[in-house]
C-alpha cells in the first residue's frame, strides 16, 4: 500500500518571524489572517499520528546564490537563511519532530538536487500533501515538479500563504489547479484524501 507524505516549506525564522531577514509585511499579514501557522501545526501532528511521512524542505544558503533571479538577489542582499543562523531554523511552532525528515534545498524547487524524489519513491509515497509558504513559490514549484514526476500532489490551500491574499488566490485559482488537487485542512484531518 502506498504512503502519503506531507511536505512543509517556508517555515523558517527569516521568512516567518517578524525580525527575519526576509520577513515581508504582506506575508506576515496573510500568514496571520489566514491562520497558516496553527493550520500547518495541526496537519503535521495529524500526519505524525497516522504514520504519514513528514518532510521539511528548508532553504539554506551556504554559498553565494546566482544573480539570475530577483529572488536570489534579494536573499543575498538580506543575507537570508544562512547555514547555522537563527534565520535558517524553522519557527518553533513548526520545528521538525523526531521521525520527521529534514532536507536542505538551495532553490525554491524542493526536488532539485535534494534527494526528495528518491526519498519518496524509497518510501512508496505516491501522494504528497503540500503546506507552508509561499503558495506561488515553494509550494507551486513542488506541485509542478511532483506532478511531472508522476506523483499525486495535493495543496491544502488554508495551510499555505503568500505575500498577499491576491497572490495566494491567483495561485489557488489559476496556477495550481492544473497540477494539484486543492483541499482544505479539515479534509486532510478527516481522513485520507
N, C-alpha and C. Protein backbone atom coordinates (compact mmCIF):
# COMPACT_ATOMS: atom_id res chain seq x y z
N UNK A 1 0.85 -1.18 0.00
CA UNK A 1 0.00 0.00 0.00
C UNK A 1 0.89 1.24 0.00
N UNK A 2 0.57 2.20 -0.84
CA UNK A 2 1.39 3.41 -0.93
C UNK A 2 1.12 4.34 0.25
N UNK A 3 2.13 5.14 0.53
CA UNK A 3 2.06 6.08 1.65
C UNK A 3 1.79 7.49 1.16
N UNK A 4 1.46 8.32 2.12
CA UNK A 4 1.29 9.75 1.88
C UNK A 4 2.44 10.47 2.57
N UNK A 5 2.93 11.53 1.94
CA UNK A 5 3.93 12.39 2.57
C UNK A 5 3.35 13.79 2.70
N UNK A 6 3.69 14.45 3.78
CA UNK A 6 3.38 15.87 3.94
C UNK A 6 4.70 16.61 3.78
N UNK A 7 4.75 17.52 2.82
CA UNK A 7 5.94 18.32 2.55
C UNK A 7 5.68 19.75 3.01
N UNK A 8 6.47 20.20 3.97
CA UNK A 8 6.30 21.55 4.52
C UNK A 8 7.51 22.39 4.14
N UNK A 9 7.23 23.61 3.68
CA UNK A 9 8.27 24.53 3.25
C UNK A 9 7.98 25.93 3.78
N UNK A 10 8.99 26.79 3.72
CA UNK A 10 8.79 28.20 4.05
C UNK A 10 8.42 28.45 5.49
N UNK A 11 8.99 27.68 6.40
CA UNK A 11 8.63 27.82 7.81
C UNK A 11 9.79 28.36 8.64
N UNK A 12 10.77 28.95 7.99
CA UNK A 12 11.97 29.38 8.68
C UNK A 12 11.84 30.79 9.26
N UNK A 13 12.62 31.05 10.30
CA UNK A 13 12.58 32.33 11.01
C UNK A 13 12.77 33.52 10.07
N UNK A 14 13.72 33.43 9.15
CA UNK A 14 13.97 34.57 8.26
C UNK A 14 12.76 34.93 7.42
N UNK A 15 11.87 33.99 7.21
CA UNK A 15 10.68 34.24 6.40
C UNK A 15 9.46 34.57 7.26
N UNK A 16 9.25 33.84 8.35
CA UNK A 16 8.01 33.97 9.11
C UNK A 16 8.10 34.78 10.40
N UNK A 17 9.29 34.92 10.95
CA UNK A 17 9.42 35.72 12.17
C UNK A 17 9.51 37.20 11.81
N UNK A 18 8.91 38.04 12.63
CA UNK A 18 8.89 39.48 12.34
C UNK A 18 10.29 40.07 12.21
N UNK A 19 11.26 39.52 12.93
CA UNK A 19 12.64 40.02 12.86
C UNK A 19 13.46 39.33 11.78
N UNK A 20 12.82 38.47 10.99
CA UNK A 20 13.53 37.72 9.97
C UNK A 20 14.07 38.59 8.85
N UNK A 21 15.22 38.20 8.32
CA UNK A 21 15.88 38.97 7.25
C UNK A 21 15.02 39.06 6.00
N UNK A 22 14.16 38.08 5.77
CA UNK A 22 13.33 38.06 4.57
C UNK A 22 11.86 38.31 4.87
N UNK A 23 11.58 38.73 6.10
CA UNK A 23 10.20 38.99 6.51
C UNK A 23 9.57 40.04 5.60
N UNK A 24 8.33 39.83 5.26
CA UNK A 24 7.60 40.74 4.37
C UNK A 24 6.29 41.10 5.05
N UNK A 25 5.97 42.39 5.16
CA UNK A 25 4.72 42.77 5.83
C UNK A 25 3.49 42.11 5.22
N UNK A 26 3.48 41.94 3.92
CA UNK A 26 2.34 41.28 3.28
C UNK A 26 2.23 39.83 3.67
N UNK A 27 3.37 39.13 3.70
CA UNK A 27 3.36 37.72 4.10
C UNK A 27 2.96 37.61 5.56
N UNK A 28 3.53 38.45 6.42
CA UNK A 28 3.16 38.43 7.84
C UNK A 28 1.65 38.57 8.01
N UNK A 29 1.08 39.52 7.30
CA UNK A 29 -0.37 39.77 7.41
C UNK A 29 -1.17 38.59 6.89
N UNK A 30 -0.75 38.03 5.76
CA UNK A 30 -1.50 36.92 5.18
C UNK A 30 -1.39 35.67 6.04
N UNK A 31 -0.18 35.39 6.56
CA UNK A 31 0.01 34.24 7.45
C UNK A 31 -0.91 34.36 8.66
N UNK A 32 -0.95 35.55 9.26
CA UNK A 32 -1.78 35.76 10.45
C UNK A 32 -3.26 35.68 10.12
N UNK A 33 -3.69 36.39 9.10
CA UNK A 33 -5.11 36.41 8.75
C UNK A 33 -5.61 35.04 8.30
N UNK A 34 -4.74 34.31 7.65
CA UNK A 34 -5.09 33.01 7.09
C UNK A 34 -4.96 31.89 8.13
N UNK A 35 -4.29 32.18 9.25
CA UNK A 35 -4.09 31.15 10.28
C UNK A 35 -3.17 30.03 9.82
N UNK A 36 -2.19 30.37 8.99
CA UNK A 36 -1.35 29.33 8.41
C UNK A 36 -0.56 28.55 9.45
N UNK A 37 0.02 29.22 10.42
CA UNK A 37 0.88 28.50 11.37
C UNK A 37 0.10 27.46 12.17
N UNK A 38 -1.02 27.78 12.80
CA UNK A 38 -1.75 26.71 13.50
C UNK A 38 -2.30 25.64 12.55
N UNK A 39 -2.64 26.04 11.33
CA UNK A 39 -3.13 25.05 10.37
C UNK A 39 -2.04 24.06 10.01
N UNK A 40 -0.84 24.56 9.73
CA UNK A 40 0.27 23.66 9.40
C UNK A 40 0.61 22.79 10.61
N UNK A 41 0.62 23.36 11.80
CA UNK A 41 0.91 22.58 13.01
C UNK A 41 -0.09 21.43 13.17
N UNK A 42 -1.36 21.69 12.92
CA UNK A 42 -2.38 20.64 13.03
C UNK A 42 -2.15 19.54 11.98
N UNK A 43 -1.80 19.94 10.78
CA UNK A 43 -1.54 18.95 9.72
C UNK A 43 -0.33 18.10 10.08
N UNK A 44 0.74 18.74 10.56
CA UNK A 44 1.94 17.98 10.91
C UNK A 44 1.65 16.98 12.03
N UNK A 45 0.90 17.40 13.04
CA UNK A 45 0.58 16.48 14.14
C UNK A 45 -0.27 15.31 13.65
N UNK A 46 -1.27 15.60 12.82
CA UNK A 46 -2.11 14.53 12.28
C UNK A 46 -1.30 13.58 11.41
N UNK A 47 -0.40 14.12 10.62
CA UNK A 47 0.45 13.28 9.76
C UNK A 47 1.29 12.33 10.60
N UNK A 48 1.90 12.87 11.65
CA UNK A 48 2.72 12.03 12.53
C UNK A 48 1.86 10.96 13.20
N UNK A 49 0.68 11.34 13.66
CA UNK A 49 -0.21 10.40 14.34
C UNK A 49 -0.65 9.25 13.44
N UNK A 50 -0.85 9.54 12.16
CA UNK A 50 -1.34 8.48 11.26
C UNK A 50 -0.22 7.77 10.51
N UNK A 51 1.02 8.17 10.75
CA UNK A 51 2.15 7.49 10.12
C UNK A 51 2.52 7.97 8.73
N UNK A 52 2.00 9.14 8.34
CA UNK A 52 2.43 9.72 7.07
C UNK A 52 3.86 10.20 7.21
N UNK A 53 4.60 10.18 6.12
CA UNK A 53 5.96 10.68 6.11
C UNK A 53 5.92 12.20 6.15
N UNK A 54 6.63 12.81 7.10
CA UNK A 54 6.69 14.28 7.21
C UNK A 54 8.08 14.72 6.76
N UNK A 55 8.10 15.61 5.76
CA UNK A 55 9.36 16.10 5.21
C UNK A 55 9.38 17.62 5.29
N UNK A 56 10.43 18.15 5.90
CA UNK A 56 10.66 19.59 5.96
C UNK A 56 11.73 19.91 4.92
N UNK A 57 11.42 20.79 3.98
CA UNK A 57 12.40 21.24 2.99
C UNK A 57 12.81 22.66 3.37
N UNK A 58 14.01 22.80 3.90
CA UNK A 58 14.49 24.09 4.39
C UNK A 58 15.43 24.71 3.36
N UNK A 59 15.16 25.96 3.01
CA UNK A 59 16.02 26.70 2.09
C UNK A 59 17.23 27.16 2.90
N UNK A 60 18.42 26.68 2.54
CA UNK A 60 19.64 27.00 3.27
C UNK A 60 20.68 27.51 2.28
N UNK A 61 21.29 28.63 2.63
CA UNK A 61 22.33 29.22 1.78
C UNK A 61 23.68 29.03 2.46
N UNK A 62 24.59 28.36 1.75
CA UNK A 62 25.94 28.21 2.28
C UNK A 62 27.00 28.66 1.28
N UNK A 63 26.56 29.11 0.11
CA UNK A 63 27.45 29.69 -0.89
C UNK A 63 26.64 30.73 -1.65
N UNK A 64 27.28 31.66 -2.29
CA UNK A 64 26.53 32.72 -2.97
C UNK A 64 25.51 32.18 -3.98
N UNK A 65 24.33 32.77 -3.97
CA UNK A 65 23.30 32.42 -4.93
C UNK A 65 23.58 33.13 -6.25
N UNK A 66 23.12 32.56 -7.36
CA UNK A 66 23.32 33.25 -8.64
C UNK A 66 22.50 34.53 -8.69
N UNK A 67 22.93 35.47 -9.50
CA UNK A 67 22.18 36.71 -9.63
C UNK A 67 21.22 36.65 -10.82
N UNK A 68 20.72 35.45 -11.08
CA UNK A 68 19.87 35.21 -12.24
C UNK A 68 18.40 35.51 -12.01
N UNK A 69 18.00 35.72 -10.76
CA UNK A 69 16.59 35.98 -10.46
C UNK A 69 16.50 36.98 -9.32
N UNK A 70 15.52 37.88 -9.37
CA UNK A 70 15.36 38.85 -8.28
C UNK A 70 15.24 38.18 -6.91
N UNK A 71 14.63 37.03 -6.84
CA UNK A 71 14.50 36.31 -5.57
C UNK A 71 15.87 36.05 -4.97
N UNK A 72 16.79 35.53 -5.76
CA UNK A 72 18.12 35.20 -5.26
C UNK A 72 18.90 36.45 -4.90
N UNK A 73 18.75 37.50 -5.69
CA UNK A 73 19.41 38.77 -5.40
C UNK A 73 18.93 39.30 -4.05
N UNK A 74 17.63 39.21 -3.80
CA UNK A 74 17.06 39.66 -2.53
C UNK A 74 17.54 38.86 -1.34
N UNK A 75 17.62 37.55 -1.49
CA UNK A 75 18.12 36.70 -0.40
C UNK A 75 19.57 37.04 -0.09
N UNK A 76 20.36 37.22 -1.14
CA UNK A 76 21.78 37.58 -0.95
C UNK A 76 21.90 38.94 -0.26
N UNK A 77 21.14 39.92 -0.74
CA UNK A 77 21.23 41.27 -0.18
C UNK A 77 20.87 41.30 1.31
N UNK A 78 19.92 40.45 1.70
CA UNK A 78 19.47 40.39 3.09
C UNK A 78 20.29 39.42 3.94
N UNK A 79 21.21 38.70 3.31
CA UNK A 79 21.97 37.64 4.00
C UNK A 79 21.01 36.65 4.66
N UNK A 80 19.97 36.28 3.93
CA UNK A 80 18.93 35.42 4.47
C UNK A 80 19.28 33.94 4.48
N UNK A 81 18.64 33.23 5.35
CA UNK A 81 18.69 31.77 5.54
C UNK A 81 20.10 31.18 5.43
N UNK A 82 21.04 31.82 6.09
CA UNK A 82 22.43 31.34 6.08
C UNK A 82 22.57 30.12 6.98
N UNK A 83 23.31 29.15 6.49
CA UNK A 83 23.53 27.91 7.24
C UNK A 83 23.96 28.24 8.67
N UNK A 84 23.32 27.57 9.62
CA UNK A 84 23.67 27.72 11.03
C UNK A 84 23.10 28.94 11.72
N UNK A 85 22.41 29.80 10.98
CA UNK A 85 21.88 31.02 11.58
C UNK A 85 20.50 30.78 12.20
N UNK A 86 20.11 31.69 13.09
CA UNK A 86 18.75 31.67 13.64
C UNK A 86 17.74 31.73 12.50
N UNK A 87 18.02 32.55 11.50
CA UNK A 87 17.09 32.74 10.39
C UNK A 87 16.84 31.50 9.56
N UNK A 88 17.81 30.60 9.49
CA UNK A 88 17.65 29.37 8.70
C UNK A 88 16.86 28.30 9.45
N UNK A 89 16.72 28.46 10.75
CA UNK A 89 15.98 27.47 11.55
C UNK A 89 14.48 27.67 11.41
N UNK A 90 13.71 26.59 11.48
CA UNK A 90 12.25 26.73 11.45
C UNK A 90 11.74 27.46 12.69
N UNK A 91 10.60 28.14 12.55
CA UNK A 91 9.99 28.76 13.73
C UNK A 91 9.65 27.63 14.71
N UNK A 92 9.70 27.90 16.01
CA UNK A 92 9.50 26.84 17.00
C UNK A 92 8.18 26.07 16.83
N UNK A 93 7.12 26.77 16.46
CA UNK A 93 5.81 26.12 16.34
C UNK A 93 5.76 25.06 15.24
N UNK A 94 6.68 25.15 14.28
CA UNK A 94 6.67 24.22 13.15
C UNK A 94 8.00 23.47 13.02
N UNK A 95 8.71 23.35 14.11
CA UNK A 95 10.01 22.67 14.09
C UNK A 95 9.84 21.18 13.83
N UNK A 96 10.80 20.57 13.17
CA UNK A 96 10.74 19.12 12.96
C UNK A 96 10.69 18.37 14.29
N UNK A 97 9.98 17.25 14.26
CA UNK A 97 9.87 16.37 15.43
C UNK A 97 10.66 15.10 15.15
N UNK A 98 10.97 14.33 16.19
CA UNK A 98 11.64 13.05 15.95
C UNK A 98 10.85 12.22 14.94
N UNK A 99 11.56 11.66 13.99
CA UNK A 99 10.93 10.86 12.94
C UNK A 99 10.66 11.64 11.66
N UNK A 100 10.63 12.97 11.75
CA UNK A 100 10.48 13.79 10.54
C UNK A 100 11.79 13.76 9.76
N UNK A 101 11.69 13.96 8.46
CA UNK A 101 12.87 14.04 7.60
C UNK A 101 13.11 15.52 7.29
N UNK A 102 14.36 15.96 7.39
CA UNK A 102 14.73 17.33 7.06
C UNK A 102 15.67 17.30 5.87
N UNK A 103 15.27 18.00 4.80
CA UNK A 103 16.10 18.15 3.61
C UNK A 103 16.46 19.62 3.46
N UNK A 104 17.62 19.87 2.93
CA UNK A 104 18.02 21.25 2.64
C UNK A 104 17.92 21.47 1.14
N UNK A 105 17.33 22.60 0.77
CA UNK A 105 17.23 22.96 -0.64
C UNK A 105 18.00 24.25 -0.88
N UNK A 106 18.50 24.40 -2.08
CA UNK A 106 19.26 25.59 -2.45
C UNK A 106 18.48 26.49 -3.40
N UNK A 107 17.30 26.03 -3.80
CA UNK A 107 16.43 26.78 -4.70
C UNK A 107 14.99 26.58 -4.22
N UNK A 108 14.05 27.24 -4.87
CA UNK A 108 12.65 27.11 -4.47
C UNK A 108 12.10 25.70 -4.68
N UNK A 109 12.58 25.01 -5.70
CA UNK A 109 12.11 23.66 -6.02
C UNK A 109 12.69 22.66 -5.03
N UNK A 110 11.87 22.05 -4.18
CA UNK A 110 12.41 21.14 -3.18
C UNK A 110 12.88 19.81 -3.76
N UNK A 111 12.58 19.55 -5.03
CA UNK A 111 13.04 18.32 -5.67
C UNK A 111 14.42 18.47 -6.29
N UNK A 112 14.88 19.70 -6.50
CA UNK A 112 16.11 19.95 -7.23
C UNK A 112 17.34 19.67 -6.36
N UNK A 113 18.04 18.58 -6.68
CA UNK A 113 19.29 18.21 -6.01
C UNK A 113 19.17 18.04 -4.50
N UNK A 114 18.03 17.53 -4.03
CA UNK A 114 17.83 17.32 -2.59
C UNK A 114 17.68 15.85 -2.21
N UNK A 115 17.43 14.99 -3.18
CA UNK A 115 17.15 13.59 -2.88
C UNK A 115 15.69 13.34 -2.54
N UNK A 116 14.84 14.37 -2.63
CA UNK A 116 13.43 14.21 -2.27
C UNK A 116 12.73 13.16 -3.12
N UNK A 117 12.93 13.19 -4.42
CA UNK A 117 12.26 12.23 -5.30
C UNK A 117 12.64 10.80 -4.90
N UNK A 118 13.92 10.54 -4.67
CA UNK A 118 14.37 9.21 -4.25
C UNK A 118 13.76 8.83 -2.90
N UNK A 119 13.76 9.77 -1.96
CA UNK A 119 13.18 9.51 -0.64
C UNK A 119 11.72 9.08 -0.75
N UNK A 120 10.95 9.80 -1.56
CA UNK A 120 9.53 9.47 -1.72
C UNK A 120 9.35 8.10 -2.34
N UNK A 121 10.10 7.80 -3.36
CA UNK A 121 9.99 6.50 -4.03
C UNK A 121 10.43 5.36 -3.13
N UNK A 122 11.52 5.56 -2.37
CA UNK A 122 12.00 4.53 -1.44
C UNK A 122 10.97 4.22 -0.36
N UNK A 123 10.13 5.21 -0.03
CA UNK A 123 9.09 5.03 0.98
C UNK A 123 7.73 4.75 0.38
N UNK A 124 7.69 4.44 -0.91
CA UNK A 124 6.47 4.09 -1.63
C UNK A 124 5.39 5.18 -1.51
N UNK A 125 5.85 6.44 -1.54
CA UNK A 125 4.93 7.57 -1.49
C UNK A 125 4.43 7.85 -2.89
N UNK A 126 3.11 7.93 -3.04
CA UNK A 126 2.50 8.26 -4.32
C UNK A 126 1.71 9.58 -4.25
N UNK A 127 1.42 10.01 -3.02
CA UNK A 127 0.65 11.23 -2.80
C UNK A 127 1.44 12.15 -1.87
N UNK A 128 1.58 13.42 -2.28
CA UNK A 128 2.29 14.41 -1.49
C UNK A 128 1.35 15.56 -1.17
N UNK A 129 1.21 15.86 0.12
CA UNK A 129 0.39 16.96 0.59
C UNK A 129 1.31 18.14 0.87
N UNK A 130 1.00 19.29 0.28
CA UNK A 130 1.86 20.47 0.39
C UNK A 130 1.27 21.51 1.33
N UNK A 131 2.12 22.01 2.23
CA UNK A 131 1.74 23.07 3.17
C UNK A 131 2.92 24.02 3.34
N UNK A 132 2.64 25.24 3.82
CA UNK A 132 3.68 26.20 4.12
C UNK A 132 3.66 27.41 3.20
N UNK A 133 4.78 28.11 3.19
CA UNK A 133 4.88 29.34 2.41
C UNK A 133 6.02 29.19 1.39
N UNK A 134 5.91 29.79 0.31
CA UNK A 134 4.77 30.58 -0.17
C UNK A 134 4.03 29.80 -1.25
N UNK A 135 2.77 30.13 -1.39
CA UNK A 135 1.91 29.43 -2.33
C UNK A 135 2.44 29.55 -3.75
N UNK A 136 2.92 30.74 -4.12
CA UNK A 136 3.36 30.95 -5.50
C UNK A 136 4.77 30.42 -5.77
N UNK A 137 5.59 30.26 -4.76
CA UNK A 137 6.98 29.87 -4.99
C UNK A 137 7.23 28.41 -4.58
N UNK A 138 7.62 28.16 -3.34
CA UNK A 138 7.97 26.81 -2.93
C UNK A 138 6.87 25.80 -3.16
N UNK A 139 5.66 26.14 -2.74
CA UNK A 139 4.53 25.22 -2.92
C UNK A 139 4.25 25.02 -4.41
N UNK A 140 4.25 26.10 -5.16
CA UNK A 140 4.00 25.99 -6.60
C UNK A 140 5.06 25.18 -7.32
N UNK A 141 6.33 25.43 -7.00
CA UNK A 141 7.41 24.65 -7.62
C UNK A 141 7.25 23.17 -7.31
N UNK A 142 6.98 22.85 -6.05
CA UNK A 142 6.82 21.45 -5.65
C UNK A 142 5.65 20.79 -6.38
N UNK A 143 4.54 21.50 -6.47
CA UNK A 143 3.36 20.94 -7.14
C UNK A 143 3.65 20.63 -8.60
N UNK A 144 4.30 21.55 -9.28
CA UNK A 144 4.58 21.34 -10.71
C UNK A 144 5.58 20.21 -10.93
N UNK A 145 6.68 20.22 -10.18
CA UNK A 145 7.68 19.18 -10.37
C UNK A 145 7.13 17.82 -9.97
N UNK A 146 6.43 17.76 -8.84
CA UNK A 146 5.87 16.49 -8.39
C UNK A 146 4.89 15.91 -9.38
N UNK A 147 4.03 16.74 -9.94
CA UNK A 147 3.09 16.27 -10.96
C UNK A 147 3.84 15.74 -12.17
N UNK A 148 4.88 16.46 -12.60
CA UNK A 148 5.69 15.99 -13.73
C UNK A 148 6.36 14.66 -13.42
N UNK A 149 6.70 14.43 -12.16
CA UNK A 149 7.37 13.20 -11.75
C UNK A 149 6.39 12.04 -11.53
N UNK A 150 5.10 12.29 -11.75
CA UNK A 150 4.12 11.22 -11.62
C UNK A 150 3.54 11.05 -10.24
N UNK A 151 3.68 12.04 -9.39
CA UNK A 151 3.12 11.99 -8.05
C UNK A 151 1.78 12.72 -8.01
N UNK A 152 0.89 12.27 -7.15
CA UNK A 152 -0.37 12.97 -6.91
C UNK A 152 -0.08 14.08 -5.91
N UNK A 153 -0.27 15.31 -6.32
CA UNK A 153 0.04 16.46 -5.48
C UNK A 153 -1.27 17.06 -4.96
N UNK A 154 -1.30 17.32 -3.66
CA UNK A 154 -2.46 17.94 -3.01
C UNK A 154 -1.97 19.17 -2.27
N UNK A 155 -2.60 20.30 -2.51
CA UNK A 155 -2.27 21.54 -1.80
C UNK A 155 -3.40 21.85 -0.83
N UNK A 156 -3.05 21.96 0.46
CA UNK A 156 -4.03 22.38 1.45
C UNK A 156 -4.03 23.90 1.45
N UNK A 157 -4.98 24.47 0.75
CA UNK A 157 -4.95 25.91 0.47
C UNK A 157 -5.07 26.78 1.71
N UNK A 158 -5.64 26.25 2.79
CA UNK A 158 -5.72 27.04 4.01
C UNK A 158 -4.54 26.77 4.96
N UNK A 159 -3.55 26.02 4.48
CA UNK A 159 -2.31 25.80 5.22
C UNK A 159 -1.12 26.28 4.40
N UNK A 160 -1.40 27.22 3.49
CA UNK A 160 -0.37 27.88 2.72
C UNK A 160 -0.64 29.38 2.79
N UNK A 161 0.37 30.18 2.48
CA UNK A 161 0.19 31.64 2.50
C UNK A 161 1.19 32.26 1.54
N UNK A 162 0.96 33.53 1.23
CA UNK A 162 1.82 34.24 0.30
C UNK A 162 1.97 35.69 0.72
N UNK A 163 2.63 36.50 -0.11
CA UNK A 163 2.89 37.89 0.24
C UNK A 163 1.63 38.75 0.23
N UNK A 164 0.56 38.22 -0.34
CA UNK A 164 -0.71 38.93 -0.32
C UNK A 164 -1.83 37.92 -0.57
N UNK A 165 -3.02 38.32 -0.18
CA UNK A 165 -4.18 37.48 -0.48
C UNK A 165 -4.34 37.34 -1.99
N UNK A 166 -4.08 38.42 -2.74
CA UNK A 166 -4.21 38.37 -4.19
C UNK A 166 -3.25 37.36 -4.81
N UNK A 167 -2.00 37.34 -4.35
CA UNK A 167 -1.02 36.38 -4.88
C UNK A 167 -1.45 34.95 -4.54
N UNK A 168 -1.87 34.73 -3.30
CA UNK A 168 -2.32 33.41 -2.87
C UNK A 168 -3.52 32.95 -3.71
N UNK A 169 -4.51 33.83 -3.84
CA UNK A 169 -5.72 33.47 -4.59
C UNK A 169 -5.41 33.21 -6.06
N UNK A 170 -4.50 33.98 -6.65
CA UNK A 170 -4.13 33.73 -8.05
C UNK A 170 -3.53 32.34 -8.20
N UNK A 171 -2.66 31.95 -7.27
CA UNK A 171 -2.07 30.61 -7.33
C UNK A 171 -3.14 29.54 -7.16
N UNK A 172 -4.01 29.73 -6.18
CA UNK A 172 -5.05 28.74 -5.88
C UNK A 172 -6.08 28.63 -7.02
N UNK A 173 -6.41 29.75 -7.61
CA UNK A 173 -7.44 29.75 -8.66
C UNK A 173 -6.89 29.36 -10.03
N UNK A 174 -5.65 29.77 -10.31
CA UNK A 174 -5.16 29.60 -11.68
C UNK A 174 -3.88 28.77 -11.80
N UNK A 175 -2.92 28.99 -10.93
CA UNK A 175 -1.62 28.35 -11.08
C UNK A 175 -1.57 26.89 -10.66
N UNK A 176 -2.26 26.54 -9.60
CA UNK A 176 -2.15 25.19 -9.05
C UNK A 176 -3.15 24.16 -9.60
N UNK A 177 -4.38 24.53 -9.94
CA UNK A 177 -5.35 23.50 -10.36
C UNK A 177 -4.91 22.58 -11.51
N UNK A 178 -4.11 23.03 -12.46
CA UNK A 178 -3.70 22.09 -13.50
C UNK A 178 -2.75 20.99 -13.01
N UNK A 179 -2.08 21.20 -11.87
CA UNK A 179 -1.07 20.24 -11.44
C UNK A 179 -1.33 19.63 -10.07
N UNK A 180 -2.32 20.13 -9.34
CA UNK A 180 -2.55 19.64 -7.98
C UNK A 180 -4.04 19.68 -7.64
N UNK A 181 -4.42 18.78 -6.76
CA UNK A 181 -5.75 18.79 -6.19
C UNK A 181 -5.74 19.79 -5.03
N UNK A 182 -6.73 20.64 -4.99
CA UNK A 182 -6.84 21.60 -3.89
C UNK A 182 -7.78 21.04 -2.84
N UNK A 183 -7.37 21.14 -1.58
CA UNK A 183 -8.19 20.65 -0.48
C UNK A 183 -8.00 21.59 0.70
N UNK A 184 -8.73 21.32 1.76
CA UNK A 184 -8.68 22.13 2.98
C UNK A 184 -8.13 21.27 4.12
N UNK A 185 -7.63 21.92 5.14
CA UNK A 185 -7.07 21.23 6.29
C UNK A 185 -8.10 20.27 6.89
N UNK A 186 -9.32 20.71 7.04
CA UNK A 186 -10.37 19.85 7.64
C UNK A 186 -10.52 18.55 6.87
N UNK A 187 -10.39 18.60 5.55
CA UNK A 187 -10.50 17.37 4.74
C UNK A 187 -9.33 16.43 5.04
N UNK A 188 -8.13 16.98 5.17
CA UNK A 188 -6.98 16.14 5.49
C UNK A 188 -7.14 15.53 6.87
N UNK A 189 -7.57 16.34 7.84
CA UNK A 189 -7.72 15.85 9.21
C UNK A 189 -8.80 14.77 9.32
N UNK A 190 -9.82 14.85 8.45
CA UNK A 190 -10.93 13.90 8.49
C UNK A 190 -10.55 12.51 7.98
N UNK A 191 -9.49 12.43 7.21
CA UNK A 191 -9.11 11.12 6.70
C UNK A 191 -8.41 11.19 5.38
N UNK A 192 -8.19 10.07 4.78
CA UNK A 192 -7.43 10.05 3.52
C UNK A 192 -8.11 10.89 2.43
N UNK A 193 -7.26 11.58 1.69
CA UNK A 193 -7.76 12.39 0.57
C UNK A 193 -7.67 11.60 -0.72
